[in-house]
PDB file of N, CA and C in Angstrom:
ATOM      1  N   MET A   1      -4.218   2.804 -11.671  1.00  0.00           N
ATOM      2  CA  MET A   1      -2.926   3.308 -10.723  1.00  0.00           C
ATOM      3  C   MET A   1      -1.673   2.874 -11.628  1.00  0.00           C
ATOM      4  N   PHE A   2      -1.514   1.466 -11.764  1.00  0.00           N
ATOM      5  CA  PHE A   2      -0.458   1.040 -12.489  1.00  0.00           C
ATOM      6  C   PHE A   2      -0.241   1.328 -13.904  1.00  0.00           C
ATOM      7  N   THR A   3      -1.624   1.025 -14.403  1.00  0.00           N
ATOM      8  CA  THR A   3      -1.647   1.341 -15.891  1.00  0.00           C
ATOM      9  C   THR A   3      -1.230   3.009 -16.241  1.00  0.00           C
ATOM     10  N   PHE A   4      -1.660   3.752 -15.321  1.00  0.00           N
ATOM     11  CA  PHE A   4      -1.128   5.199 -15.552  1.00  0.00           C
ATOM     12  C   PHE A   4       0.225   5.415 -15.701  1.00  0.00           C
ATOM     13  N   SER A   5       0.931   4.499 -15.061  1.00  0.00           N
ATOM     14  CA  SER A   5       2.602   4.614 -15.041  1.00  0.00           C
ATOM     15  C   SER A   5       3.005   3.828 -15.915  1.00  0.00           C
ATOM     16  N   GLY A   6       2.160   3.043 -16.793  1.00  0.00           N
ATOM     17  CA  GLY A   6       2.703   2.169 -18.005  1.00  0.00           C
ATOM     18  C   GLY A   6       2.940   0.699 -17.574  1.00  0.00           C
ATOM     19  N   PHE A   7       2.597   0.412 -16.297  1.00  0.00           N
ATOM     20  CA  PHE A   7       2.800  -1.061 -15.819  1.00  0.00           C
ATOM     21  C   PHE A   7       1.443  -1.837 -16.102  1.00  0.00           C
ATOM     22  N   GLN A   8       1.125  -2.219 -17.208  1.00  0.00           N
ATOM     23  CA  GLN A   8       0.073  -2.978 -17.356  1.00  0.00           C
ATOM     24  C   GLN A   8      -0.046  -4.292 -16.826  1.00  0.00           C
ATOM     25  N   HIS A   9       0.927  -4.910 -16.915  1.00  0.00           N
ATOM     26  CA  HIS A   9       0.937  -6.395 -16.156  1.00  0.00           C
ATOM     27  C   HIS A   9       0.702  -6.324 -14.777  1.00  0.00           C
ATOM     28  N   SER A  10       1.427  -5.173 -14.054  1.00  0.00           N
ATOM     29  CA  SER A  10       1.285  -5.094 -12.605  1.00  0.00           C
ATOM     30  C   SER A  10      -0.126  -4.841 -12.300  1.00  0.00           C
ATOM     31  N   ALA A  11      -0.721  -3.652 -12.987  1.00  0.00           N
ATOM     32  CA  ALA A  11      -2.279  -3.465 -12.788  1.00  0.00           C
ATOM     33  C   ALA A  11      -2.940  -4.824 -13.132  1.00  0.00           C
ATOM     34  N   TYR A  12      -2.718  -5.719 -13.949  1.00  0.00           N
ATOM     35  CA  TYR A  12      -3.633  -6.774 -14.100  1.00  0.00           C
ATOM     36  C   TYR A  12      -3.195  -7.716 -12.864  1.00  0.00           C
ATOM     37  N   THR A  13      -2.107  -7.993 -12.510  1.00  0.00           N
ATOM     38  CA  THR A  13      -1.716  -9.055 -11.346  1.00  0.00           C
ATOM     39  C   THR A  13      -2.474  -8.520 -10.004  1.00  0.00           C
ATOM     40  N   PHE A  14      -2.208  -7.032 -10.015  1.00  0.00           N
ATOM     41  CA  PHE A  14      -2.781  -6.539  -8.474  1.00  0.00           C
ATOM     42  C   PHE A  14      -4.463  -6.779  -8.909  1.00  0.00           C
ATOM     43  N   GLY A  15      -5.031  -6.496  -9.818  1.00  0.00           N
ATOM     44  CA  GLY A  15      -6.426  -6.560 -10.031  1.00  0.00           C
ATOM     45  C   GLY A  15      -6.771  -8.023  -9.728  1.00  0.00           C
ATOM     46  N   ILE A  16      -6.031  -9.052 -10.188  1.00  0.00           N
ATOM     47  CA  ILE A  16      -6.459 -10.307  -9.934  1.00  0.00           C
ATOM     48  C   ILE A  16      -6.288 -10.858  -8.546  1.00  0.00           C
ATOM     49  N   GLU A  17      -5.084 -10.492  -7.893  1.00  0.00           N
ATOM     50  CA  GLU A  17      -4.708 -10.920  -6.574  1.00  0.00           C
ATOM     51  C   GLU A  17      -5.597 -10.213  -5.427  1.00  0.00           C
ATOM     52  N   SER A  18      -5.889  -9.050  -5.836  1.00  0.00           N
ATOM     53  CA  SER A  18      -6.999  -8.264  -4.892  1.00  0.00           C
ATOM     54  C   SER A  18      -8.416  -8.588  -4.775  1.00  0.00           C
ATOM     55  N   HIS A  19      -8.745  -9.377  -6.131  1.00  0.00           N
ATOM     56  CA  HIS A  19     -10.300  -9.465  -6.155  1.00  0.00           C
ATOM     57  C   HIS A  19     -10.929  -8.087  -6.312  1.00  0.00           C
ATOM     58  N   ILE A  20     -10.169  -7.104  -6.926  1.00  0.00           N
ATOM     59  CA  ILE A  20     -10.837  -5.808  -6.704  1.00  0.00           C
ATOM     60  C   ILE A  20     -12.108  -5.691  -7.715  1.00  0.00           C
ATOM     61  N   SER A  21     -12.194  -6.582  -8.843  1.00  0.00           N
ATOM     62  CA  SER A  21     -13.396  -6.584  -9.549  1.00  0.00           C
ATOM     63  C   SER A  21     -14.729  -7.160  -8.967  1.00  0.00           C
ATOM     64  N   GLN A  22     -14.321  -7.752  -7.817  1.00  0.00           N
ATOM     65  CA  GLN A  22     -15.601  -8.136  -6.819  1.00  0.00           C
ATOM     66  C   GLN A  22     -15.789  -7.187  -5.563  1.00  0.00           C
ATOM     67  N   SER A  23     -15.311  -6.095  -5.559  1.00  0.00           N
ATOM     68  CA  SER A  23     -15.578  -5.168  -4.605  1.00  0.00           C
ATOM     69  C   SER A  23     -16.621  -4.131  -5.060  1.00  0.00           C
ATOM     70  N   ASN A  24     -16.950  -3.258  -4.118  1.00  0.00           N
ATOM     71  CA  ASN A  24     -17.755  -2.176  -4.653  1.00  0.00           C
ATOM     72  C   ASN A  24     -17.104  -0.829  -4.689  1.00  0.00           C
ATOM     73  N   ILE A  25     -15.996  -0.924  -4.859  1.00  0.00           N
ATOM     74  CA  ILE A  25     -14.912   0.394  -4.956  1.00  0.00           C
ATOM     75  C   ILE A  25     -15.148   0.871  -6.504  1.00  0.00           C
ATOM     76  N   ASN A  26     -15.588   2.282  -6.440  1.00  0.00           N
ATOM     77  CA  ASN A  26     -15.737   2.928  -7.726  1.00  0.00           C
ATOM     78  C   ASN A  26     -14.235   3.446  -8.178  1.00  0.00           C
ATOM     79  N   GLY A  27     -13.755   2.751  -9.059  1.00  0.00           N
ATOM     80  CA  GLY A  27     -12.373   3.180  -9.405  1.00  0.00           C
ATOM     81  C   GLY A  27     -12.079   4.659 -10.188  1.00  0.00           C
ATOM     82  N   ALA A  28     -13.328   5.125 -10.373  1.00  0.00           N
ATOM     83  CA  ALA A  28     -13.203   6.563 -10.892  1.00  0.00           C
ATOM     84  C   ALA A  28     -13.062   7.612  -9.802  1.00  0.00           C
ATOM     85  N   LEU A  29     -13.212   7.163  -8.513  1.00  0.00           N
ATOM     86  CA  LEU A  29     -13.159   8.089  -7.215  1.00  0.00           C
ATOM     87  C   LEU A  29     -11.804   8.006  -6.703  1.00  0.00           C
ATOM     88  N   VAL A  30     -11.100   6.996  -7.074  1.00  0.00           N
ATOM     89  CA  VAL A  30      -9.710   6.697  -6.496  1.00  0.00           C
ATOM     90  C   VAL A  30      -8.552   7.436  -7.253  1.00  0.00           C
ATOM     91  N   PRO A  31      -7.914   8.465  -6.693  1.00  0.00           N
ATOM     92  CA  PRO A  31      -6.974   9.193  -7.448  1.00  0.00           C
ATOM     93  C   PRO A  31      -5.645   8.389  -7.806  1.00  0.00           C
ATOM     94  N   PRO A  32      -5.077   8.693  -8.680  1.00  0.00           N
ATOM     95  CA  PRO A  32      -3.846   8.045  -9.148  1.00  0.00           C
ATOM     96  C   PRO A  32      -2.947   8.074  -8.166  1.00  0.00           C
ATOM     97  N   ALA A  33      -2.152   6.719  -7.935  1.00  0.00           N
ATOM     98  CA  ALA A  33      -1.153   6.764  -6.942  1.00  0.00           C
ATOM     99  C   ALA A  33      -1.567   6.508  -5.610  1.00  0.00           C
ATOM    100  N   ALA A  34      -3.059   6.281  -5.515  1.00  0.00           N
ATOM    101  CA  ALA A  34      -3.595   6.295  -4.156  1.00  0.00           C
ATOM    102  C   ALA A  34      -2.867   5.145  -3.041  1.00  0.00           C
ATOM    103  N   LEU A  35      -2.686   3.976  -3.706  1.00  0.00           N
ATOM    104  CA  LEU A  35      -2.166   2.717  -2.907  1.00  0.00           C
ATOM    105  C   LEU A  35      -0.649   3.179  -2.576  1.00  0.00           C
ATOM    106  N   LEU A  36       0.069   3.824  -3.602  1.00  0.00           N
ATOM    107  CA  LEU A  36       1.521   4.177  -3.176  1.00  0.00           C
ATOM    108  C   LEU A  36       1.545   5.127  -2.226  1.00  0.00           C
ATOM    109  N   SER A  37       0.736   5.950  -2.022  1.00  0.00           N
ATOM    110  CA  SER A  37       0.545   7.307  -1.137  1.00  0.00           C
ATOM    111  C   SER A  37       0.352   6.658   0.366  1.00  0.00           C
ATOM    112  N   ILE A  38      -0.532   5.485   0.406  1.00  0.00           N
ATOM    113  CA  ILE A  38      -0.951   5.023   1.744  1.00  0.00           C
ATOM    114  C   ILE A  38       0.427   4.207   2.105  1.00  0.00           C
ATOM    115  N   LEU A  39       1.176   3.480   1.264  1.00  0.00           N
ATOM    116  CA  LEU A  39       2.158   2.665   1.745  1.00  0.00           C
ATOM    117  C   LEU A  39       3.243   3.478   2.258  1.00  0.00           C
ATOM    118  N   GLN A  40       3.386   4.635   1.439  1.00  0.00           N
ATOM    119  CA  GLN A  40       4.516   5.706   1.999  1.00  0.00           C
ATOM    120  C   GLN A  40       4.276   6.257   3.271  1.00  0.00           C
ATOM    121  N   LYS A  41       3.024   6.453   3.460  1.00  0.00           N
ATOM    122  CA  LYS A  41       2.642   7.173   4.803  1.00  0.00           C
ATOM    123  C   LYS A  41       2.856   6.168   5.823  1.00  0.00           C
ATOM    124  N   GLY A  42       2.440   4.868   5.724  1.00  0.00           N
ATOM    125  CA  GLY A  42       2.673   3.716   6.500  1.00  0.00           C
ATOM    126  C   GLY A  42       4.334   3.845   6.885  1.00  0.00           C
ATOM    127  N   LEU A  43       5.092   3.593   5.834  1.00  0.00           N
ATOM    128  CA  LEU A  43       6.460   3.516   6.091  1.00  0.00           C
ATOM    129  C   LEU A  43       7.015   4.902   6.948  1.00  0.00           C
ATOM    130  N   GLN A  44       6.484   5.833   6.553  1.00  0.00           N
ATOM    131  CA  GLN A  44       7.217   7.155   7.306  1.00  0.00           C
ATOM    132  C   GLN A  44       6.573   7.320   8.881  1.00  0.00           C
ATOM    133  N   TYR A  45       5.448   6.558   9.183  1.00  0.00           N
ATOM    134  CA  TYR A  45       4.909   6.620  10.436  1.00  0.00           C
ATOM    135  C   TYR A  45       5.437   5.454  11.169  1.00  0.00           C
ATOM    136  N   THR A  46       6.003   4.228  10.486  1.00  0.00           N
ATOM    137  CA  THR A  46       6.838   3.264  10.990  1.00  0.00           C
ATOM    138  C   THR A  46       8.139   3.990  11.510  1.00  0.00           C
ATOM    139  N   GLU A  47       8.892   4.601  10.508  1.00  0.00           N
ATOM    140  CA  GLU A  47      10.279   5.151  10.655  1.00  0.00           C
ATOM    141  C   GLU A  47      10.105   6.341  11.804  1.00  0.00           C
ATOM    142  N   ALA A  48       9.150   7.161  11.996  1.00  0.00           N
ATOM    143  CA  ALA A  48       8.914   8.123  12.939  1.00  0.00           C
ATOM    144  C   ALA A  48       8.825   7.279  14.376  1.00  0.00           C
ATOM    145  N   GLU A  49       8.049   6.254  14.433  1.00  0.00           N
ATOM    146  CA  GLU A  49       7.899   5.598  15.781  1.00  0.00           C
ATOM    147  C   GLU A  49       9.061   4.614  16.115  1.00  0.00           C
ATOM    148  N   ILE A  50      10.150   4.427  15.267  1.00  0.00           N
ATOM    149  CA  ILE A  50      11.186   3.811  15.655  1.00  0.00           C
ATOM    150  C   ILE A  50      12.104   4.717  15.743  1.00  0.00           C
ATOM    151  N   SER A  51      12.372   6.090  15.376  1.00  0.00           N
ATOM    152  CA  SER A  51      13.104   6.951  15.658  1.00  0.00           C
ATOM    153  C   SER A  51      12.842   7.638  17.327  1.00  0.00           C
ATOM    154  N   ILE A  52      11.380   7.610  17.508  1.00  0.00           N
ATOM    155  CA  ILE A  52      11.230   7.984  18.942  1.00  0.00           C
ATOM    156  C   ILE A  52      11.243   7.045  19.927  1.00  0.00           C
ATOM    157  N   GLY A  53      11.628   5.655  19.486  1.00  0.00           N
ATOM    158  CA  GLY A  53      11.608   4.605  20.182  1.00  0.00           C
ATOM    159  C   GLY A  53      10.520   4.097  20.724  1.00  0.00           C
ATOM    160  N   GLU A  54       9.178   4.121  20.200  1.00  0.00           N
ATOM    161  CA  GLU A  54       8.073   3.577  20.675  1.00  0.00           C
ATOM    162  C   GLU A  54       7.738   2.130  20.111  1.00  0.00           C
ATOM    163  N   VAL A  55       8.575   1.885  19.166  1.00  0.00           N
ATOM    164  CA  VAL A  55       8.697   0.500  18.644  1.00  0.00           C
ATOM    165  C   VAL A  55       9.630  -0.407  19.031  1.00  0.00           C
ATOM    166  N   THR A  56       9.251  -1.628  19.539  1.00  0.00           N
ATOM    167  CA  THR A  56      10.197  -2.568  19.650  1.00  0.00           C
ATOM    168  C   THR A  56      10.763  -3.430  18.438  1.00  0.00           C
ATOM    169  N   THR A  57      11.670  -4.187  18.495  1.00  0.00           N
ATOM    170  CA  THR A  57      12.109  -4.951  17.396  1.00  0.00           C
ATOM    171  C   THR A  57      10.933  -5.995  17.143  1.00  0.00           C
ATOM    172  N   ASN A  58      10.200  -6.501  17.971  1.00  0.00           N
ATOM    173  CA  ASN A  58       9.135  -7.404  17.351  1.00  0.00           C
ATOM    174  C   ASN A  58       8.002  -6.836  17.101  1.00  0.00           C
ATOM    175  N   SER A  59       7.642  -5.777  17.321  1.00  0.00           N
ATOM    176  CA  SER A  59       6.470  -4.934  16.504  1.00  0.00           C
ATOM    177  C   SER A  59       6.767  -4.627  15.435  1.00  0.00           C
ATOM    178  N   PHE A  60       8.164  -4.281  15.250  1.00  0.00           N
ATOM    179  CA  PHE A  60       8.642  -3.691  13.711  1.00  0.00           C
ATOM    180  C   PHE A  60       8.463  -4.787  12.855  1.00  0.00           C
ATOM    181  N   LYS A  61       9.003  -5.877  13.382  1.00  0.00           N
ATOM    182  CA  LYS A  61       8.789  -7.229  12.397  1.00  0.00           C
ATOM    183  C   LYS A  61       7.437  -7.426  11.940  1.00  0.00           C
ATOM    184  N   ILE A  62       6.310  -6.949  12.959  1.00  0.00           N
ATOM    185  CA  ILE A  62       4.922  -7.324  12.644  1.00  0.00           C
ATOM    186  C   ILE A  62       4.450  -6.155  11.592  1.00  0.00           C
ATOM    187  N   HIS A  63       5.010  -4.978  11.447  1.00  0.00           N
ATOM    188  CA  HIS A  63       4.578  -3.957  10.744  1.00  0.00           C
ATOM    189  C   HIS A  63       5.201  -4.280   9.346  1.00  0.00           C
ATOM    190  N   ILE A  64       6.377  -4.877   9.217  1.00  0.00           N
ATOM    191  CA  ILE A  64       6.781  -5.279   7.896  1.00  0.00           C
ATOM    192  C   ILE A  64       6.108  -6.295   7.306  1.00  0.00           C
ATOM    193  N   VAL A  65       5.515  -7.237   8.045  1.00  0.00           N
ATOM    194  CA  VAL A  65       4.982  -8.523   7.427  1.00  0.00           C
ATOM    195  C   VAL A  65       3.595  -7.997   6.846  1.00  0.00           C
ATOM    196  N   PHE A  66       2.807  -6.929   7.462  1.00  0.00           N
ATOM    197  CA  PHE A  66       1.778  -6.601   6.939  1.00  0.00           C
ATOM    198  C   PHE A  66       1.810  -5.635   6.002  1.00  0.00           C
ATOM    199  N   LEU A  67       2.874  -4.957   5.664  1.00  0.00           N
ATOM    200  CA  LEU A  67       3.154  -3.948   4.465  1.00  0.00           C
ATOM    201  C   LEU A  67       3.461  -5.018   3.303  1.00  0.00           C
TER     202      LEU A  67
END
């Protein structure tokens, strides 16, 4: 994912911090930029919830902590 974009150090750090080598995920099946896409969708859903007033200030802070 990060190496595809030229961020070798970021890819290395992500791999170490996430313990991806200890998982049973087949990296060949994960499309490029899949993590970024998931994060973008999460932010879009959070923005939508805020704009329709379904999220209070406290729950918005919780969303930010988990992202």
